[in-house]
Amino acid sequence: MRFRRLAASVGCIVFIFMLGIICPAAGAAPKTVAILPFAMNSPQDLTFLQNGLFSMLSSRLSDPGNVDVLDRATVDAAMARASADTATALTQDRARAIGEQLGADYVLFGSLTHFGESVSLDAAMVDLTEDKPALTFFEQSNNMGDVIPLVNTFAGDINQKVFNRSIANELYVQPTPEGPQAPGGFQGSGQGAAYQGGFVNRQQPGARGFATHLKFEGVITAMAAGDLNKDGTIQVVAATDDTLMIHRMSGNQLVLEKQLEYASTNRIVSLDIADINGNGFPEIFVSSLTIHRDGLQSFVVEYNGSDYVTLVDNQSYYYRVIQTQDTDPTLLGQYTGNSPFDGRISIMQAEGASYARQKQMRFPRNTSVLSLAKGPVTSDTADEYVMINQFGRLVVTSDSGAIEWESTQKYGGTAHVWLMPRNDTDASYRKRIYIHPRICFYDMNEDDKPEILAVQNNEFGGGSMGRYKRFKNGTIQVLSWNGIALAPIFSTSDLQGWISDFAIADITGDGKEELIVSVVTQNKLAILAKDKASSIISYELK
């Protein structure tokens, strides 16, 4: 009996000993990782991406019960105590010291380098529990849109080499609800295209294309839509250099209702329609350059119950009406400066028979009010602006004017040009500054989060033809924030020539709004030939 009890006791001890060999980590505490802010090597402000990198790497390296990643506030506090500059790359010794201060087992630090369209991630993982060289990691891509898959691969390498943990990259992508179907005539990017390194054009099955409502022998320089005489129907106003043509839908065609001619010295570049003076009839705000394209002579027109009258003229402002989902239309005015991207921008209000500056706004340099819109971008509650700057970059700013994000791709582009003063060394030379078309917010899929619509006119030779712009085709891109950038989700198909303007309104009176686009075409036989024809077309949005 004693022998059996002794054998049982020995067996129990052996079992416990073997269990300890087989499962040595059963009661071990999880490893702790401190991710230090990556240095951003770029001519642009990539603070948004620096923050996004921390969030993405944190979620991808975290493994409940095995690997804990310290939160951003704790890391930032340690960085501040160490007086570490997040704008420059840390040395291994400095990173190790910060990691030890945090009591971490591992510290990850590195940099992201962005030049042109290429982007690369370079980092080191220091094991603070052992005295051995840091593990280094490097990934690169030739497309800035590849940041998310780049981080997936990057995190996968770290998990494999440091924690012996293999996870398929696709598991890093958070499930998203089914994306909106592209409206008729649009091309969808496909769900998840933002994670695949760029916009994938794919014709939406069953797309009905666009409807053509007007063909015009001449250049439509600007366009707007609105109920000008408050009779319940929408009119479309198209402009040439010095003329406003007011149309109304009849069947499927836009029929000329009224033509208003102005001084031949005008060069109209933009139109907007809104009732800013509150008298019940919306005004037409006309932004017009002078004939020499080096000054402004804008004016405002309104229907007075029997005819169209000019309320103010020879104004030194570019006008743009912006409207959010929750506010009434707001008139912005940009005072003439050295160029269309130079003058101060103010909220304007009606005072008597004119319009006066009410409040000056803060925007980055190289901002034009003509390609400016307001709405939420990075979150549903954000109070932000989106614009196309002088260099054709799409920019997101806070309400205070701080840049939150800037695109690498170019948007906008028109044939509207401002001529700078003559060069002293060459009296015949005048630098040309090109104006971009409007940009706007619109809730495409009715989820109370508006997308952004922006024109993208593509030049012959990719813009290599010098200072004279000629366009081969144009599209309207629909973009949405994917967590780190504005990414296209679908677009119109390529339109030959260039898009001068667009509007969103129910021009057919069926209770559904359409996207209305004015397109200018060139002579097919000569790239440098003058524009000679225009069309107004529409796409269904529902």
Protein backbone atom coordinates (compact mmCIF):
# COMPACT_ATOMS: atom_id res chain seq x y z
CA MET A 1 0.00 0.00 0.00
CA ARG A 2 2.78 2.37 0.91
CA PHE A 3 4.52 1.48 -2.33
CA ARG A 4 1.41 2.31 -4.35
CA ARG A 5 1.04 5.68 -2.52
CA LEU A 6 4.73 6.43 -3.10
CA ALA A 7 4.43 5.53 -6.77
CA ALA A 8 1.35 7.72 -7.10
CA SER A 9 3.18 10.63 -5.45
CA VAL A 10 6.20 10.21 -7.73
CA GLY A 11 3.91 9.99 -10.77
CA CYS A 12 2.16 13.21 -9.76
CA ILE A 13 5.50 15.00 -9.31
CA VAL A 14 6.73 13.74 -12.69
CA PHE A 15 3.45 14.86 -14.34
CA ILE A 16 3.73 18.31 -12.84
CA PHE A 17 7.39 18.54 -13.88
CA MET A 18 6.55 17.46 -17.44
CA LEU A 19 3.66 19.94 -17.57
CA GLY A 20 6.09 22.68 -16.65
CA ILE A 21 8.39 21.62 -19.54
CA ILE A 22 5.58 21.42 -22.08
CA CYS A 23 3.86 24.67 -21.05
CA PRO A 24 6.59 26.91 -19.69
CA ALA A 25 4.75 30.13 -20.57
CA ALA A 26 1.41 29.16 -19.09
CA GLY A 27 1.63 31.79 -16.40
CA ALA A 28 4.05 34.18 -18.11
CA ALA A 29 3.11 37.84 -18.40
CA PRO A 30 2.51 39.17 -21.95
CA LYS A 31 5.38 40.91 -23.69
CA THR A 32 5.12 44.72 -23.78
CA VAL A 33 5.91 46.73 -26.92
CA ALA A 34 6.46 50.50 -27.08
CA ILE A 35 5.95 51.93 -30.57
CA LEU A 36 7.69 55.30 -30.83
CA PRO A 37 6.37 57.87 -33.37
CA PHE A 38 7.97 57.29 -36.76
CA ALA A 39 9.94 60.20 -38.24
CA MET A 40 8.35 61.53 -41.45
CA ASN A 41 10.83 62.31 -44.24
CA SER A 42 8.71 64.20 -46.75
CA PRO A 43 8.33 67.69 -48.24
CA GLN A 44 4.70 67.50 -47.06
CA ASP A 45 3.23 67.61 -43.58
CA LEU A 46 2.44 63.94 -42.89
CA THR A 47 1.41 64.26 -39.24
CA PHE A 48 -1.86 62.50 -40.07
CA LEU A 49 0.11 59.54 -41.44
CA GLN A 50 2.44 59.49 -38.44
CA ASN A 51 -0.62 59.12 -36.22
CA GLY A 52 -2.14 56.55 -38.57
CA LEU A 53 1.04 54.46 -38.53
CA PHE A 54 0.93 54.22 -34.74
CA SER A 55 -2.71 53.05 -34.82
CA MET A 56 -2.16 50.52 -37.60
CA LEU A 57 1.02 49.02 -36.12
CA SER A 58 -0.53 48.92 -32.66
CA SER A 59 -3.55 46.91 -33.87
CA ARG A 60 -1.41 44.57 -35.97
CA LEU A 61 1.19 43.77 -33.29
CA SER A 62 -1.20 43.45 -30.38
CA ASP A 63 -2.01 39.84 -29.36
CA PRO A 64 -4.24 39.62 -26.25
CA GLY A 65 -2.57 37.58 -23.54
CA ASN A 66 0.74 37.46 -25.41
CA VAL A 67 1.68 40.93 -26.68
CA ASP A 68 0.50 44.25 -25.24
CA VAL A 69 1.21 47.52 -27.07
CA LEU A 70 1.50 50.63 -24.89
CA ASP A 71 -1.05 53.33 -25.61
CA ARG A 72 -0.13 56.53 -27.44
CA ALA A 73 -0.59 58.86 -24.44
CA THR A 74 1.89 56.84 -22.35
CA VAL A 75 4.45 56.84 -25.16
CA ASP A 76 4.01 60.57 -25.86
CA ALA A 77 4.53 61.37 -22.17
CA ALA A 78 7.80 59.42 -22.16
CA MET A 79 8.91 61.12 -25.37
CA ALA A 80 8.21 64.50 -23.80
CA ARG A 81 10.16 63.63 -20.64
CA ALA A 82 13.08 62.55 -22.82
CA SER A 83 12.75 65.73 -24.94
CA ALA A 84 12.66 63.51 -28.03
CA ASP A 85 11.81 65.23 -31.33
CA THR A 86 9.23 63.22 -33.29
CA ALA A 87 10.28 65.01 -36.48
CA THR A 88 13.69 63.34 -36.55
CA ALA A 89 14.77 59.70 -36.47
CA LEU A 90 15.89 58.36 -33.09
CA THR A 91 19.17 56.57 -32.49
CA GLN A 92 19.07 53.02 -31.14
CA ASP A 93 20.55 54.12 -27.80
CA ARG A 94 17.94 56.89 -27.44
CA ALA A 95 15.10 54.55 -28.34
CA ARG A 96 16.41 51.94 -25.88
CA ALA A 97 16.52 54.53 -23.08
CA ILE A 98 12.91 55.57 -23.74
CA GLY A 99 11.82 51.93 -23.85
CA GLU A 100 13.53 51.20 -20.54
CA GLN A 101 11.85 54.24 -18.99
CA LEU A 102 8.51 52.80 -20.10
CA GLY A 103 9.35 49.35 -18.71
CA ALA A 104 8.79 47.78 -22.12
CA ASP A 105 10.20 44.47 -23.34
CA TYR A 106 10.56 45.73 -26.90
CA VAL A 107 10.74 49.16 -28.49
CA LEU A 108 9.93 49.77 -32.17
CA PHE A 109 11.13 52.96 -33.89
CA GLY A 110 11.91 54.09 -37.41
CA SER A 111 10.96 56.40 -40.25
CA LEU A 112 8.73 56.74 -43.29
CA THR A 113 10.26 58.34 -46.38
CA HIS A 114 8.05 59.83 -49.09
CA PHE A 115 9.48 61.22 -52.33
CA GLY A 116 7.39 61.73 -55.43
CA GLU A 117 5.04 58.75 -55.56
CA SER A 118 7.41 56.35 -53.76
CA VAL A 119 7.15 55.52 -50.07
CA SER A 120 9.31 53.36 -47.81
CA LEU A 121 9.23 52.16 -44.19
CA ASP A 122 12.50 51.62 -42.31
CA ALA A 123 12.49 50.46 -38.66
CA ALA A 124 14.31 48.63 -35.90
CA MET A 125 12.94 46.45 -33.10
CA VAL A 126 15.08 46.48 -29.94
CA ASP A 127 14.78 43.60 -27.45
CA LEU A 128 15.27 45.19 -24.02
CA THR A 129 15.26 41.83 -22.23
CA GLU A 130 18.45 40.68 -23.88
CA ASP A 131 21.69 42.32 -24.95
CA LYS A 132 21.67 41.59 -28.68
CA PRO A 133 21.56 43.62 -31.91
CA ALA A 134 18.25 45.13 -32.98
CA LEU A 135 16.25 43.46 -35.73
CA THR A 136 15.80 45.74 -38.76
CA PHE A 137 12.88 45.85 -41.17
CA PHE A 138 12.41 47.60 -44.51
CA GLU A 139 9.53 47.80 -47.00
CA GLN A 140 8.97 50.10 -49.99
CA SER A 141 6.51 50.81 -52.80
CA ASN A 142 6.29 53.07 -55.83
CA ASN A 143 2.75 54.15 -54.98
CA MET A 144 1.72 56.32 -52.03
CA GLY A 145 -1.65 54.57 -52.13
CA ASP A 146 0.08 51.36 -51.03
CA VAL A 147 0.66 52.53 -47.45
CA ILE A 148 -1.87 50.17 -45.87
CA PRO A 149 -0.70 46.96 -47.61
CA LEU A 150 2.86 48.13 -46.94
CA VAL A 151 2.13 48.33 -43.20
CA ASN A 152 0.42 44.92 -43.36
CA THR A 153 3.56 43.30 -44.80
CA PHE A 154 5.75 45.27 -42.41
CA ALA A 155 3.77 44.16 -39.35
CA GLY A 156 3.67 40.60 -40.65
CA ASP A 157 7.48 40.49 -40.81
CA ILE A 158 7.76 41.77 -37.23
CA ASN A 159 5.22 39.27 -35.93
CA GLN A 160 7.03 36.41 -37.66
CA LYS A 161 10.62 37.33 -36.75
CA VAL A 162 10.05 38.64 -33.21
CA PHE A 163 7.03 36.75 -31.88
CA ASN A 164 7.05 33.70 -34.18
CA ARG A 165 3.46 34.52 -35.08
CA SER A 166 2.10 34.11 -38.62
CA ILE A 167 -1.02 35.99 -39.63
CA ALA A 168 -2.36 36.38 -43.15
CA ASN A 169 -2.23 40.00 -44.23
CA GLU A 170 -5.88 40.02 -45.23
CA LEU A 171 -6.84 39.45 -41.59
CA TYR A 172 -5.43 42.88 -40.75
CA VAL A 173 -8.08 44.61 -42.85
CA GLN A 174 -11.07 45.39 -40.69
CA PRO A 175 -14.39 44.21 -42.15
CA THR A 176 -16.29 47.04 -43.77
CA PRO A 177 -19.92 47.27 -44.75
CA GLU A 178 -20.83 46.71 -48.36
CA GLY A 179 -19.80 49.81 -50.29
CA PRO A 180 -22.22 51.93 -52.31
CA GLN A 181 -23.06 50.84 -55.80
CA ALA A 182 -21.71 53.19 -58.43
CA PRO A 183 -24.52 55.26 -59.97
CA GLY A 184 -25.33 54.87 -63.66
CA GLY A 185 -22.42 55.97 -65.82
CA PHE A 186 -19.92 55.82 -62.96
CA GLN A 187 -17.07 53.38 -62.56
CA GLY A 188 -16.64 51.64 -59.21
CA SER A 189 -13.30 51.17 -57.51
CA GLY A 190 -14.54 48.00 -55.86
CA GLN A 191 -14.70 47.34 -52.13
CA GLY A 192 -11.32 47.57 -50.49
CA ALA A 193 -9.63 49.36 -53.40
CA ALA A 194 -8.23 51.84 -50.91
CA TYR A 195 -6.22 48.96 -49.47
CA GLN A 196 -4.92 47.81 -52.84
CA GLY A 197 -2.61 50.67 -53.69
CA GLY A 198 -4.66 52.94 -55.87
CA PHE A 199 -7.91 53.41 -57.70
CA VAL A 200 -9.08 50.54 -59.89
CA ASN A 201 -11.42 51.57 -62.72
CA ARG A 202 -14.06 48.92 -63.26
CA GLN A 203 -17.21 49.55 -65.26
CA GLN A 204 -20.27 49.08 -63.09
CA PRO A 205 -22.49 46.31 -64.54
CA GLY A 206 -25.69 47.73 -65.96
CA ALA A 207 -24.37 51.31 -66.05
CA ARG A 208 -26.53 53.53 -68.21
CA GLY A 209 -23.95 56.18 -69.01
CA PHE A 210 -24.86 59.84 -69.27
CA ALA A 211 -27.58 61.82 -70.99
CA THR A 212 -26.70 64.77 -73.26
CA HIS A 213 -28.98 67.78 -72.82
CA LEU A 214 -27.20 70.52 -74.76
CA LYS A 215 -24.62 70.85 -77.55
CA PHE A 216 -23.16 74.32 -77.93
CA GLU A 217 -20.83 75.77 -80.57
CA GLY A 218 -18.49 77.61 -78.24
CA VAL A 219 -16.81 77.30 -74.86
CA ILE A 220 -18.96 77.00 -71.73
CA THR A 221 -16.61 78.48 -69.16
CA ALA A 222 -18.78 77.95 -66.05
CA MET A 223 -22.14 76.55 -65.03
CA ALA A 224 -24.58 76.55 -62.10
CA ALA A 225 -28.13 75.34 -61.42
CA GLY A 226 -30.95 76.74 -59.28
CA ASP A 227 -34.55 77.91 -59.15
CA LEU A 228 -33.95 81.52 -60.20
CA ASN A 229 -37.55 82.73 -60.31
CA LYS A 230 -38.93 80.49 -57.50
CA ASP A 231 -41.45 78.68 -59.69
CA GLY A 232 -40.41 75.26 -58.43
CA THR A 233 -38.31 74.23 -61.41
CA ILE A 234 -34.54 74.22 -61.77
CA GLN A 235 -32.77 76.31 -64.39
CA VAL A 236 -29.25 75.74 -65.67
CA VAL A 237 -27.09 78.81 -66.23
CA ALA A 238 -24.16 78.39 -68.62
CA ALA A 239 -21.55 81.11 -69.18
CA THR A 240 -19.25 82.04 -72.01
CA ASP A 241 -16.60 84.76 -71.62
CA ASP A 242 -19.18 87.57 -71.48
CA THR A 243 -22.63 85.95 -71.65
CA LEU A 244 -25.03 84.15 -69.31
CA MET A 245 -27.40 81.67 -70.96
CA ILE A 246 -30.34 80.57 -68.80
CA HIS A 247 -31.87 77.22 -69.77
CA ARG A 248 -34.84 75.14 -68.72
CA MET A 249 -35.45 71.46 -69.35
CA SER A 250 -38.02 70.59 -72.01
CA GLY A 251 -38.30 66.86 -72.48
CA ASN A 252 -34.69 65.72 -72.38
CA GLN A 253 -33.19 68.91 -73.78
CA LEU A 254 -32.07 72.18 -72.24
CA VAL A 255 -33.87 75.00 -74.01
CA LEU A 256 -32.60 78.58 -73.94
CA GLU A 257 -34.95 80.76 -71.89
CA LYS A 258 -32.94 83.96 -71.53
CA GLN A 259 -29.58 85.22 -72.74
CA LEU A 260 -27.84 88.02 -70.85
CA GLU A 261 -24.91 89.77 -72.52
CA TYR A 262 -22.32 91.83 -70.67
CA ALA A 263 -19.26 93.90 -71.52
CA SER A 264 -16.95 92.15 -73.98
CA THR A 265 -14.06 92.83 -71.58
CA ASN A 266 -15.35 90.09 -69.25
CA ARG A 267 -13.78 86.65 -68.95
CA ILE A 268 -16.21 84.68 -66.76
CA VAL A 269 -14.58 81.80 -64.85
CA SER A 270 -17.12 80.79 -62.21
CA LEU A 271 -20.85 80.88 -61.32
CA ASP A 272 -22.81 80.20 -58.13
CA ILE A 273 -26.50 80.51 -57.27
CA ALA A 274 -27.89 81.22 -53.76
CA ASP A 275 -30.28 83.57 -51.99
CA ILE A 276 -27.79 85.43 -49.81
CA ASN A 277 -29.68 88.72 -49.47
CA GLY A 278 -32.78 86.83 -48.27
CA ASN A 279 -35.36 88.48 -50.57
CA GLY A 280 -36.71 85.19 -51.90
CA PHE A 281 -34.93 85.25 -55.29
CA PRO A 282 -31.47 83.64 -55.46
CA GLU A 283 -28.62 85.70 -56.87
CA ILE A 284 -26.20 84.59 -59.58
CA PHE A 285 -22.66 85.29 -58.37
CA VAL A 286 -20.40 85.75 -61.38
CA SER A 287 -16.61 85.66 -60.93
CA SER A 288 -15.05 87.36 -63.93
CA LEU A 289 -11.52 88.29 -64.93
CA THR A 290 -10.74 91.37 -66.99
CA ILE A 291 -9.98 91.01 -70.69
CA HIS A 292 -6.23 91.06 -69.97
CA ARG A 293 -6.67 88.35 -67.32
CA ASP A 294 -4.77 90.26 -64.67
CA GLY A 295 -7.64 91.77 -62.68
CA LEU A 296 -11.22 91.15 -61.52
CA GLN A 297 -14.56 92.66 -62.54
CA SER A 298 -17.05 90.29 -60.94
CA PHE A 299 -20.75 91.03 -60.67
CA VAL A 300 -24.03 89.76 -59.18
CA VAL A 301 -27.29 89.25 -61.09
CA GLU A 302 -30.80 88.58 -59.75
CA TYR A 303 -34.32 88.04 -61.06
CA ASN A 304 -36.55 90.82 -59.68
CA GLY A 305 -39.92 89.31 -60.52
CA SER A 306 -40.01 90.43 -64.15
CA ASP A 307 -36.44 90.55 -65.46
CA TYR A 308 -32.80 89.93 -64.58
CA VAL A 309 -30.96 92.92 -63.14
CA THR A 310 -27.36 93.55 -62.09
CA LEU A 311 -27.15 94.22 -58.36
CA VAL A 312 -23.42 95.05 -58.20
CA ASP A 313 -20.66 95.06 -60.80
CA ASN A 314 -16.92 95.67 -61.16
CA GLN A 315 -16.25 93.82 -57.90
CA SER A 316 -12.71 92.80 -56.95
CA TYR A 317 -13.77 89.41 -55.55
CA TYR A 318 -13.90 85.80 -56.59
CA TYR A 319 -17.19 84.38 -55.28
CA ARG A 320 -17.99 80.88 -54.07
CA VAL A 321 -21.10 79.68 -52.24
CA ILE A 322 -20.51 76.77 -49.87
CA GLN A 323 -23.15 74.77 -48.04
CA THR A 324 -23.02 71.91 -45.56
CA GLN A 325 -25.78 69.43 -44.78
CA ASP A 326 -26.79 71.32 -41.64
CA THR A 327 -26.32 74.99 -42.58
CA ASP A 328 -27.71 77.58 -44.94
CA PRO A 329 -25.61 78.65 -47.95
CA THR A 330 -22.62 80.84 -47.07
CA LEU A 331 -21.05 83.29 -49.50
CA LEU A 332 -17.26 83.44 -49.47
CA GLY A 333 -15.33 86.15 -51.25
CA GLN A 334 -11.64 86.21 -52.06
CA TYR A 335 -10.23 89.68 -52.59
CA THR A 336 -8.07 90.17 -55.63
CA GLY A 337 -4.40 89.57 -54.96
CA ASN A 338 -1.30 88.89 -56.97
CA SER A 339 -2.97 85.72 -58.27
CA PRO A 340 -6.18 83.71 -57.77
CA PHE A 341 -4.39 81.84 -54.96
CA ASP A 342 -3.20 84.89 -53.08
CA GLY A 343 -5.98 87.17 -51.78
CA ARG A 344 -7.59 86.95 -48.36
CA ILE A 345 -10.85 84.99 -48.07
CA SER A 346 -13.80 86.27 -46.05
CA ILE A 347 -17.38 85.36 -45.26
CA MET A 348 -19.54 87.88 -47.10
CA GLN A 349 -22.95 89.24 -46.14
CA ALA A 350 -25.49 91.38 -47.92
CA GLU A 351 -25.49 95.04 -46.86
CA GLY A 352 -28.10 97.06 -48.65
CA ALA A 353 -27.56 96.60 -52.38
CA SER A 354 -24.01 95.29 -52.02
CA TYR A 355 -21.95 92.60 -50.25
CA ALA A 356 -19.38 93.29 -47.57
CA ARG A 357 -16.75 91.29 -45.72
CA GLN A 358 -18.05 89.99 -42.41
CA LYS A 359 -15.29 87.68 -41.13
CA GLN A 360 -11.88 86.85 -42.51
CA MET A 361 -11.07 83.14 -42.76
CA ARG A 362 -7.76 81.36 -42.17
CA PHE A 363 -6.47 79.10 -44.92
CA PRO A 364 -3.03 77.88 -46.01
CA ARG A 365 -1.10 79.71 -48.68
CA ASN A 366 -1.93 78.88 -52.31
CA THR A 367 -5.68 78.60 -51.59
CA SER A 368 -8.34 79.67 -54.09
CA VAL A 369 -11.93 80.13 -52.97
CA LEU A 370 -13.08 78.84 -56.38
CA SER A 371 -11.98 75.29 -55.47
CA LEU A 372 -12.96 75.20 -51.81
CA ALA A 373 -15.67 73.27 -49.93
CA LYS A 374 -16.62 72.65 -46.33
CA GLY A 375 -17.66 69.39 -44.68
CA PRO A 376 -16.57 66.46 -42.48
CA VAL A 377 -13.63 64.44 -43.80
CA THR A 378 -11.61 62.65 -41.12
CA SER A 379 -14.63 62.09 -38.83
CA ASP A 380 -18.38 62.64 -38.84
CA THR A 381 -18.08 65.58 -36.44
CA ALA A 382 -15.02 67.28 -37.94
CA ASP A 383 -15.34 70.88 -39.09
CA GLU A 384 -13.00 70.85 -42.08
CA TYR A 385 -12.32 72.28 -45.51
CA VAL A 386 -11.19 70.57 -48.70
CA MET A 387 -9.49 72.48 -51.50
CA ILE A 388 -7.36 72.12 -54.61
CA ASN A 389 -4.28 74.27 -54.14
CA GLN A 390 -2.29 76.16 -56.77
CA PHE A 391 -0.26 73.05 -57.58
CA GLY A 392 -3.27 70.83 -58.14
CA ARG A 393 -2.99 68.98 -54.83
CA LEU A 394 -6.08 68.03 -52.88
CA VAL A 395 -5.74 69.45 -49.35
CA VAL A 396 -7.73 68.89 -46.16
CA THR A 397 -7.50 71.57 -43.47
CA SER A 398 -8.98 72.12 -40.05
CA ASP A 399 -11.31 75.02 -39.33
CA SER A 400 -8.25 76.92 -38.05
CA GLY A 401 -6.42 76.53 -41.36
CA ALA A 402 -3.95 73.80 -40.32
CA ILE A 403 -3.17 71.28 -43.07
CA GLU A 404 -4.29 67.78 -42.07
CA TRP A 405 -3.62 65.94 -45.32
CA GLU A 406 -2.38 66.61 -48.86
CA SER A 407 -2.63 64.36 -51.91
CA THR A 408 0.22 63.25 -54.12
CA GLN A 409 -2.01 63.03 -57.20
CA LYS A 410 -3.16 66.12 -59.06
CA TYR A 411 -6.77 67.23 -59.39
CA GLY A 412 -8.59 70.15 -60.96
CA GLY A 413 -7.18 71.86 -64.01
CA THR A 414 -8.97 74.17 -66.44
CA ALA A 415 -8.04 76.41 -69.36
CA HIS A 416 -8.90 79.49 -67.27
CA VAL A 417 -5.68 81.44 -66.82
CA TRP A 418 -4.49 84.43 -64.82
CA LEU A 419 -1.50 86.33 -66.24
CA MET A 420 1.15 87.52 -63.82
CA PRO A 421 2.98 90.88 -64.35
CA ARG A 422 5.55 90.96 -67.14
CA ASN A 423 9.04 89.77 -66.30
CA ASP A 424 11.55 92.65 -66.19
CA THR A 425 14.23 90.59 -67.94
CA ASP A 426 11.85 89.44 -70.65
CA ALA A 427 9.05 91.88 -71.34
CA SER A 428 7.28 89.37 -73.57
CA TYR A 429 7.01 86.71 -70.85
CA ARG A 430 4.09 86.50 -68.42
CA LYS A 431 3.75 83.60 -66.03
CA ARG A 432 0.41 81.80 -66.36
CA ILE A 433 -1.53 80.74 -63.24
CA TYR A 434 -4.33 78.30 -63.99
CA ILE A 435 -7.59 78.25 -62.05
CA HIS A 436 -9.21 75.03 -60.76
CA PRO A 437 -12.94 74.22 -60.89
CA ARG A 438 -15.28 73.80 -57.95
CA ILE A 439 -15.18 70.96 -55.45
CA CYS A 440 -18.15 69.88 -53.33
CA PHE A 441 -19.53 67.48 -50.73
CA TYR A 442 -22.47 65.22 -51.53
CA ASP A 443 -23.91 62.20 -49.72
CA MET A 444 -23.76 59.63 -52.52
CA ASN A 445 -24.95 56.62 -50.51
CA GLU A 446 -27.32 58.36 -48.05
CA ASP A 447 -25.40 57.38 -44.91
CA ASP A 448 -25.20 60.96 -43.54
CA LYS A 449 -21.46 61.03 -44.37
CA PRO A 450 -20.94 63.06 -47.57
CA GLU A 451 -18.32 62.09 -50.11
CA ILE A 452 -16.18 64.60 -52.01
CA LEU A 453 -16.59 65.29 -55.73
CA ALA A 454 -13.57 66.74 -57.51
CA VAL A 455 -12.73 67.30 -61.18
CA GLN A 456 -9.59 65.68 -62.57
CA ASN A 457 -8.68 67.02 -66.02
CA ASN A 458 -5.73 65.21 -67.59
CA GLU A 459 -3.27 67.06 -69.80
CA PHE A 460 -1.65 65.83 -72.98
CA GLY A 461 1.81 64.49 -72.21
CA GLY A 462 1.10 64.56 -68.49
CA GLY A 463 1.67 68.33 -68.39
CA SER A 464 5.02 68.19 -70.21
CA MET A 465 3.93 70.56 -72.97
CA GLY A 466 5.08 73.64 -71.10
CA ARG A 467 3.10 76.53 -69.74
CA TYR A 468 0.16 76.12 -72.13
CA LYS A 469 -2.36 73.58 -70.86
CA ARG A 470 -4.19 71.31 -73.27
CA PHE A 471 -6.41 68.54 -71.96
CA LYS A 472 -7.10 65.13 -73.43
CA ASN A 473 -9.84 64.00 -71.04
CA GLY A 474 -11.52 64.64 -67.73
CA THR A 475 -13.37 62.77 -65.01
CA ILE A 476 -15.20 63.61 -61.81
CA GLN A 477 -13.74 61.60 -58.94
CA VAL A 478 -15.80 60.65 -55.90
CA LEU A 479 -13.54 60.34 -52.86
CA SER A 480 -13.95 59.19 -49.26
CA TRP A 481 -11.64 59.15 -46.23
CA ASN A 482 -10.22 55.64 -45.69
CA GLY A 483 -8.54 56.33 -42.36
CA ILE A 484 -5.30 57.83 -43.63
CA ALA A 485 -6.14 59.49 -46.95
CA LEU A 486 -8.87 60.59 -49.34
CA ALA A 487 -9.22 57.71 -51.79
CA PRO A 488 -11.42 57.50 -54.93
CA ILE A 489 -14.34 55.09 -54.60
CA PHE A 490 -15.76 55.65 -58.07
CA SER A 491 -15.69 58.13 -60.92
CA THR A 492 -17.32 59.12 -64.16
CA SER A 493 -15.90 57.51 -67.27
CA ASP A 494 -13.32 59.53 -69.24
CA LEU A 495 -14.83 62.48 -71.11
CA GLN A 496 -12.93 63.80 -74.12
CA GLY A 497 -11.68 67.36 -73.62
CA TRP A 498 -11.97 69.03 -70.19
CA ILE A 499 -14.66 69.54 -67.58
CA SER A 500 -15.24 73.25 -66.96
CA ASP A 501 -17.82 72.91 -64.18
CA PHE A 502 -20.45 70.71 -62.57
CA ALA A 503 -23.56 71.06 -60.42
CA ILE A 504 -25.96 68.80 -58.54
CA ALA A 505 -29.68 69.47 -58.95
CA ASP A 506 -32.99 67.87 -59.95
CA ILE A 507 -33.18 69.27 -63.49
CA THR A 508 -35.66 66.64 -64.70
CA GLY A 509 -38.21 67.32 -61.96
CA ASP A 510 -38.55 63.64 -61.01
CA GLY A 511 -37.55 64.20 -57.39
CA LYS A 512 -34.06 62.75 -57.94
CA GLU A 513 -30.94 64.87 -58.23
CA GLU A 514 -28.55 64.55 -61.15
CA LEU A 515 -24.88 65.34 -61.55
CA ILE A 516 -24.76 67.97 -64.32
CA VAL A 517 -21.44 68.43 -66.12
CA SER A 518 -20.22 70.96 -68.71
CA VAL A 519 -17.55 69.51 -71.02
CA VAL A 520 -15.39 71.46 -73.47
CA THR A 521 -13.92 69.63 -76.47
CA GLN A 522 -11.06 70.47 -78.83
CA ASN A 523 -10.49 70.02 -82.51
CA LYS A 524 -9.50 66.37 -82.91
CA LEU A 525 -7.03 67.15 -85.67
CA ALA A 526 -4.72 69.41 -83.68
CA ILE A 527 -3.81 69.17 -79.99
CA LEU A 528 -3.00 72.88 -79.83
CA ALA A 529 -6.15 73.95 -81.67
CA LYS A 530 -8.58 76.22 -79.83
CA ASP A 531 -11.53 74.80 -77.93
CA LYS A 532 -14.58 75.10 -80.13
CA ALA A 533 -17.53 73.13 -78.72
CA SER A 534 -19.20 72.28 -75.43
CA SER A 535 -21.85 69.93 -74.10
CA ILE A 536 -23.95 69.74 -70.95
CA ILE A 537 -24.57 66.18 -69.81
CA SER A 538 -25.98 64.54 -66.68
CA TYR A 539 -25.58 61.37 -64.64
CA GLU A 540 -28.20 59.80 -62.41
CA LEU A 541 -27.15 59.77 -58.76
CA LYS A 542 -29.76 57.39 -57.36
